[in-house]
Amino acid sequence: MAATEAVTESEHVKSLIISTASPLWEDKAALGKFLDVVRRSETFAPLADSMAQSEARPAKPSFHGVQSREFQE
């Protein structure tokens, strides 16, 4: 049960990071500062690195665990 809760909490934090990064996408200086803060966490450093290297704006995350790019801007 604890592992399920940890995964769920991790997914919520990941969704929050992506939701916050999406509006900053055009302002690369602000996005860079935000991703530097995210990199301070060992758990989410790889996510920050992949977002920094990505050419596409991140898809809006689902808070129900659905992986979809349907609403990508």
C-alpha atoms as a PDB file:
ATOM      1  CA  MET A   1       0.000   0.000   0.000  1.00  0.00           C
ATOM      2  CA  ALA A   2       2.839   2.413   0.842  1.00  0.00           C
ATOM      3  CA  ALA A   3       4.440   1.888  -2.574  1.00  0.00           C
ATOM      4  CA  THR A   4       1.133   2.688  -4.273  1.00  0.00           C
ATOM      5  CA  GLU A   5       0.800   5.878  -2.235  1.00  0.00           C
ATOM      6  CA  ALA A   6       4.386   6.886  -3.072  1.00  0.00           C
ATOM      7  CA  VAL A   7       3.808   6.369  -6.790  1.00  0.00           C
ATOM      8  CA  THR A   8       0.584   8.333  -6.600  1.00  0.00           C
ATOM      9  CA  GLU A   9       2.288  11.200  -4.744  1.00  0.00           C
ATOM     10  CA  SER A  10       5.152  11.147  -7.233  1.00  0.00           C
ATOM     11  CA  GLU A  11       2.720  11.330 -10.151  1.00  0.00           C
ATOM     12  CA  HIS A  12       0.949  14.284  -8.531  1.00  0.00           C
ATOM     13  CA  VAL A  13       4.246  16.146  -8.128  1.00  0.00           C
ATOM     14  CA  LYS A  14       5.205  15.307 -11.719  1.00  0.00           C
ATOM     15  CA  SER A  15       1.844  16.678 -12.919  1.00  0.00           C
ATOM     16  CA  LEU A  16       2.396  19.840 -10.889  1.00  0.00           C
ATOM     17  CA  ILE A  17       5.868  20.341 -12.398  1.00  0.00           C
ATOM     18  CA  ILE A  18       4.558  19.910 -15.938  1.00  0.00           C
ATOM     19  CA  SER A  19       1.570  22.180 -15.273  1.00  0.00           C
ATOM     20  CA  THR A  20       3.873  24.895 -13.971  1.00  0.00           C
ATOM     21  CA  ALA A  21       6.423  24.540 -16.780  1.00  0.00           C
ATOM     22  CA  SER A  22       3.867  24.753 -19.580  1.00  0.00           C
ATOM     23  CA  PRO A  23       2.976  28.467 -19.123  1.00  0.00           C
ATOM     24  CA  LEU A  24       6.691  29.298 -18.778  1.00  0.00           C
ATOM     25  CA  TRP A  25       7.577  27.579 -22.063  1.00  0.00           C
ATOM     26  CA  GLU A  26       7.967  30.787 -24.100  1.00  0.00           C
ATOM     27  CA  ASP A  27      10.025  32.549 -21.401  1.00  0.00           C
ATOM     28  CA  LYS A  28      13.166  30.418 -21.548  1.00  0.00           C
ATOM     29  CA  ALA A  29      14.888  32.359 -18.738  1.00  0.00           C
ATOM     30  CA  ALA A  30      11.997  31.744 -16.329  1.00  0.00           C
ATOM     31  CA  LEU A  31      11.662  28.145 -17.483  1.00  0.00           C
ATOM     32  CA  GLY A  32      15.377  27.594 -16.906  1.00  0.00           C
ATOM     33  CA  LYS A  33      15.187  28.972 -13.370  1.00  0.00           C
ATOM     34  CA  PHE A  34      12.165  26.810 -12.603  1.00  0.00           C
ATOM     35  CA  LEU A  35      13.857  23.686 -13.968  1.00  0.00           C
ATOM     36  CA  ASP A  36      16.985  24.476 -11.918  1.00  0.00           C
ATOM     37  CA  VAL A  37      14.806  24.367  -8.800  1.00  0.00           C
ATOM     38  CA  VAL A  38      13.249  21.067  -9.928  1.00  0.00           C
ATOM     39  CA  ARG A  39      16.744  19.604 -10.482  1.00  0.00           C
ATOM     40  CA  ARG A  40      17.490  20.022  -6.761  1.00  0.00           C
ATOM     41  CA  SER A  41      15.357  16.933  -6.204  1.00  0.00           C
ATOM     42  CA  GLU A  42      17.150  13.742  -7.207  1.00  0.00           C
ATOM     43  CA  THR A  43      13.791  12.183  -8.034  1.00  0.00           C
ATOM     44  CA  PHE A  44      12.731  14.818 -10.567  1.00  0.00           C
ATOM     45  CA  ALA A  45      16.120  15.902 -11.971  1.00  0.00           C
ATOM     46  CA  PRO A  46      15.749  13.571 -15.004  1.00  0.00           C
ATOM     47  CA  LEU A  47      12.299  15.064 -15.725  1.00  0.00           C
ATOM     48  CA  ALA A  48      13.744  18.589 -15.608  1.00  0.00           C
ATOM     49  CA  ASP A  49      16.611  17.571 -17.900  1.00  0.00           C
ATOM     50  CA  SER A  50      14.275  15.996 -20.454  1.00  0.00           C
ATOM     51  CA  MET A  51      11.976  19.035 -20.411  1.00  0.00           C
ATOM     52  CA  ALA A  52      14.936  21.376 -20.901  1.00  0.00           C
ATOM     53  CA  GLN A  53      16.062  19.427 -23.982  1.00  0.00           C
ATOM     54  CA  SER A  54      12.586  19.041 -25.461  1.00  0.00           C
ATOM     55  CA  GLU A  55      11.543  21.091 -28.477  1.00  0.00           C
ATOM     56  CA  ALA A  56       7.813  20.609 -27.835  1.00  0.00           C
ATOM     57  CA  ARG A  57       5.745  22.198 -25.104  1.00  0.00           C
ATOM     58  CA  PRO A  58       4.746  19.521 -22.604  1.00  0.00           C
ATOM     59  CA  ALA A  59       1.283  18.072 -22.930  1.00  0.00           C
ATOM     60  CA  LYS A  60      -1.153  19.092 -20.238  1.00  0.00           C
ATOM     61  CA  PRO A  61      -0.925  16.336 -17.636  1.00  0.00           C
ATOM     62  CA  SER A  62      -3.850  14.289 -16.490  1.00  0.00           C
ATOM     63  CA  PHE A  63      -4.447  14.085 -12.789  1.00  0.00           C
ATOM     64  CA  HIS A  64      -5.960  10.634 -13.252  1.00  0.00           C
ATOM     65  CA  GLY A  65      -2.850   8.967 -14.656  1.00  0.00           C
ATOM     66  CA  VAL A  66      -3.941   9.098 -18.299  1.00  0.00           C
ATOM     67  CA  GLN A  67      -1.015   9.681 -20.610  1.00  0.00           C
ATOM     68  CA  SER A  68      -2.388  11.786 -23.455  1.00  0.00           C
ATOM     69  CA  ARG A  69      -1.064  14.382 -25.860  1.00  0.00           C
ATOM     70  CA  GLU A  70      -4.555  15.230 -27.089  1.00  0.00           C
ATOM     71  CA  PHE A  71      -4.509  18.688 -25.527  1.00  0.00           C
ATOM     72  CA  GLN A  72      -0.917  19.594 -26.315  1.00  0.00           C
ATOM     73  CA  GLU A  73      -0.657  23.214 -27.423  1.00  0.00           C
END
